[in-house]
Amino acid sequence: MGTSRIPPCGIAVAAVAVVASLAIAPRCAEAQWAWRDASGHVTFSDSPPPADVPQSRIFKQPNPATMPAAPSGADAKATAQRDANAEKRFDKWFKERQKAEQRQNAEQARRNAECNRLRGQLATLQTLGMQVLQQDPNGGPPTFLTDQQRAAQTQQLQDQIGTQCD
């Protein structure tokens, strides 16, 4: 019989398959748990499967002899104290975060109200034309705005809206 040769494309396909399997293998090797879920998918994980996965579908789990021993006595007390301190720090951080969000929301509401007020004044100036009355700050009778006063106030309001509003 004669010798057979592997075509070059066959070598390339084999090389790709080897590289792909080497890339996937470490991920599976690191996982301590492996199980098949209800839909038949295999899951590899460092964490145990959900409680609804029966033992019969778990085909890899860590060896209890290699797992660290549960803390005892003083170690358990120290661990509990660390956990309690961490929980207190988290609670403090969470409350500070909530207060910061409340301050931010209140500031945004104040800005929105001010922007609405400015836009309302601008709309009044733009729609009423010469009919706009100006209150005298000293309690005198109101007067009509001139075109120049109306244009100046319009520009001032547009500038304020541009700098203070989104």
Protein backbone atom coordinates (compact mmCIF):
# COMPACT_ATOMS: atom_id res chain seq x y z
CA MET A 1 0.00 0.00 0.00
CA GLY A 2 1.04 3.54 -0.61
CA THR A 3 1.49 6.24 1.95
CA SER A 4 -1.28 8.70 2.47
CA ARG A 5 -0.74 12.36 2.97
CA ILE A 6 -2.75 14.72 5.14
CA PRO A 7 -3.79 17.71 3.08
CA PRO A 8 -2.52 21.09 4.45
CA CYS A 9 -6.04 22.21 5.26
CA GLY A 10 -6.49 19.13 7.46
CA ILE A 11 -3.45 20.07 9.52
CA ALA A 12 -4.79 23.62 9.94
CA VAL A 13 -8.17 22.32 11.12
CA ALA A 14 -6.50 19.94 13.57
CA ALA A 15 -4.27 22.75 14.89
CA VAL A 16 -7.25 25.03 15.43
CA ALA A 17 -9.09 22.27 17.28
CA VAL A 18 -6.09 21.63 19.56
CA VAL A 19 -5.65 25.34 20.33
CA ALA A 20 -9.39 25.76 21.03
CA SER A 21 -9.44 22.76 23.36
CA LEU A 22 -6.39 24.07 25.21
CA ALA A 23 -8.06 27.46 25.63
CA ILE A 24 -11.22 25.90 27.04
CA ALA A 25 -9.59 23.25 29.23
CA PRO A 26 -8.16 25.60 31.89
CA ARG A 27 -11.58 27.16 32.53
CA CYS A 28 -13.09 23.75 33.14
CA ALA A 29 -10.10 22.60 35.19
CA GLU A 30 -10.46 25.58 37.54
CA ALA A 31 -14.10 24.88 38.28
CA GLN A 32 -14.73 22.91 41.44
CA TRP A 33 -18.37 22.18 40.61
CA ALA A 34 -19.98 20.82 37.45
CA TRP A 35 -23.64 19.95 36.96
CA ARG A 36 -26.32 19.59 34.33
CA ASP A 37 -29.30 21.94 34.75
CA ALA A 38 -32.95 21.11 34.05
CA SER A 39 -32.62 22.14 30.38
CA GLY A 40 -29.58 19.87 29.89
CA HIS A 41 -26.87 22.56 29.82
CA VAL A 42 -23.63 21.73 31.63
CA THR A 43 -22.39 24.41 34.03
CA PHE A 44 -18.88 24.68 35.48
CA SER A 45 -18.47 26.91 38.52
CA ASP A 46 -16.48 27.68 41.63
CA SER A 47 -19.79 27.94 43.51
CA PRO A 48 -22.14 25.09 44.29
CA PRO A 49 -25.20 24.61 42.08
CA PRO A 50 -28.60 26.04 43.02
CA ALA A 51 -30.56 24.10 45.61
CA ASP A 52 -33.04 22.84 42.99
CA VAL A 53 -30.33 20.80 41.19
CA PRO A 54 -30.57 17.19 42.45
CA GLN A 55 -27.41 15.39 43.57
CA SER A 56 -27.80 12.94 40.66
CA ARG A 57 -27.07 15.76 38.13
CA ILE A 58 -23.94 17.00 39.94
CA PHE A 59 -20.98 15.18 38.40
CA LYS A 60 -18.10 17.17 39.90
CA GLN A 61 -17.72 18.72 43.32
CA PRO A 62 -14.79 19.59 45.57
CA ASN A 63 -13.27 16.94 47.76
CA PRO A 64 -14.30 17.68 51.37
CA ALA A 65 -10.77 16.72 52.54
CA THR A 66 -9.24 19.56 50.49
CA MET A 67 -11.73 22.19 51.65
CA PRO A 68 -10.66 24.52 54.48
CA ALA A 69 -11.95 23.55 57.90
CA ALA A 70 -14.73 25.57 59.47
CA PRO A 71 -13.39 28.11 61.94
CA SER A 72 -13.64 27.13 65.57
CA GLY A 73 -13.85 28.98 68.87
CA ALA A 74 -11.87 32.22 68.77
CA ASP A 75 -11.54 32.11 64.96
CA ALA A 76 -15.30 31.90 64.59
CA LYS A 77 -15.76 34.80 67.00
CA ALA A 78 -13.17 36.91 65.15
CA THR A 79 -14.81 36.08 61.82
CA ALA A 80 -18.23 37.01 63.18
CA GLN A 81 -16.83 40.31 64.49
CA ARG A 82 -15.20 41.10 61.12
CA ASP A 83 -18.49 40.31 59.39
CA ALA A 84 -20.42 42.54 61.81
CA ASN A 85 -17.93 45.39 61.29
CA ALA A 86 -18.14 44.99 57.53
CA GLU A 87 -21.93 45.06 57.73
CA LYS A 88 -21.82 48.26 59.83
CA ARG A 89 -19.46 49.90 57.34
CA PHE A 90 -21.74 48.88 54.48
CA ASP A 91 -24.82 50.23 56.29
CA LYS A 92 -23.04 53.53 56.93
CA TRP A 93 -21.93 53.76 53.30
CA PHE A 94 -25.42 52.90 52.08
CA LYS A 95 -27.08 55.56 54.29
CA GLU A 96 -24.56 58.17 53.15
CA ARG A 97 -25.23 57.19 49.54
CA GLN A 98 -29.00 57.54 50.09
CA LYS A 99 -28.54 60.99 51.67
CA ALA A 100 -26.32 62.09 48.78
CA GLU A 101 -28.95 60.89 46.27
CA GLN A 102 -31.68 62.74 48.20
CA ARG A 103 -29.60 65.94 48.18
CA GLN A 104 -28.93 65.51 44.47
CA ASN A 105 -32.63 64.91 43.75
CA ALA A 106 -33.64 67.97 45.82
CA GLU A 107 -31.09 70.14 44.01
CA GLN A 108 -32.32 68.86 40.64
CA ALA A 109 -35.94 69.61 41.62
CA ARG A 110 -34.92 73.14 42.69
CA ARG A 111 -33.08 73.67 39.39
CA ASN A 112 -36.06 72.36 37.42
CA ALA A 113 -38.43 74.73 39.25
CA GLU A 114 -36.12 77.70 38.62
CA CYS A 115 -35.77 76.78 34.94
CA ASN A 116 -39.54 76.47 34.59
CA ARG A 117 -39.95 79.91 36.20
CA LEU A 118 -37.39 81.46 33.83
CA ARG A 119 -38.94 79.80 30.77
CA GLY A 120 -42.38 81.03 31.85
CA GLN A 121 -41.12 84.61 32.14
CA LEU A 122 -39.46 84.32 28.72
CA ALA A 123 -42.68 82.98 27.17
CA THR A 124 -44.59 85.89 28.68
CA LEU A 125 -42.17 88.42 27.22
CA GLN A 126 -42.24 86.77 23.80
CA THR A 127 -46.00 86.30 23.48
CA LEU A 128 -47.50 89.45 24.96
CA GLY A 129 -45.34 91.91 23.05
CA MET A 130 -45.95 95.52 24.06
CA GLN A 131 -48.61 94.51 26.60
CA VAL A 132 -46.06 93.49 29.25
CA LEU A 133 -46.35 95.37 32.52
CA GLN A 134 -43.45 95.85 34.86
CA GLN A 135 -44.04 96.08 38.60
CA ASP A 136 -42.34 98.97 40.35
CA PRO A 137 -40.12 97.48 43.10
CA ASN A 138 -40.84 100.53 45.28
CA GLY A 139 -44.59 99.89 45.23
CA GLY A 140 -45.44 102.40 42.51
CA PRO A 141 -47.89 101.75 39.69
CA PRO A 142 -46.94 99.18 37.05
CA THR A 143 -45.65 100.49 33.71
CA PHE A 144 -45.48 99.03 30.21
CA LEU A 145 -42.08 97.82 29.00
CA THR A 146 -40.51 99.55 26.04
CA ASP A 147 -39.22 97.49 23.13
CA GLN A 148 -35.67 98.01 24.38
CA GLN A 149 -36.54 96.94 27.94
CA ARG A 150 -38.39 93.89 26.65
CA ALA A 151 -35.46 92.95 24.38
CA ALA A 152 -32.98 93.40 27.26
CA GLN A 153 -35.08 91.28 29.64
CA THR A 154 -35.58 88.65 26.92
CA GLN A 155 -31.81 88.46 26.35
CA GLN A 156 -31.15 88.31 30.10
CA LEU A 157 -33.63 85.45 30.55
CA GLN A 158 -32.20 83.56 27.56
CA ASP A 159 -28.70 83.92 29.03
CA GLN A 160 -29.88 82.65 32.44
CA ILE A 161 -31.66 79.72 30.85
CA GLY A 162 -28.56 78.92 28.80
CA THR A 163 -26.29 78.84 31.84
CA GLN A 164 -28.63 77.35 34.48
CA CYS A 165 -30.80 74.92 32.54
CA ASP A 166 -30.12 71.79 30.55
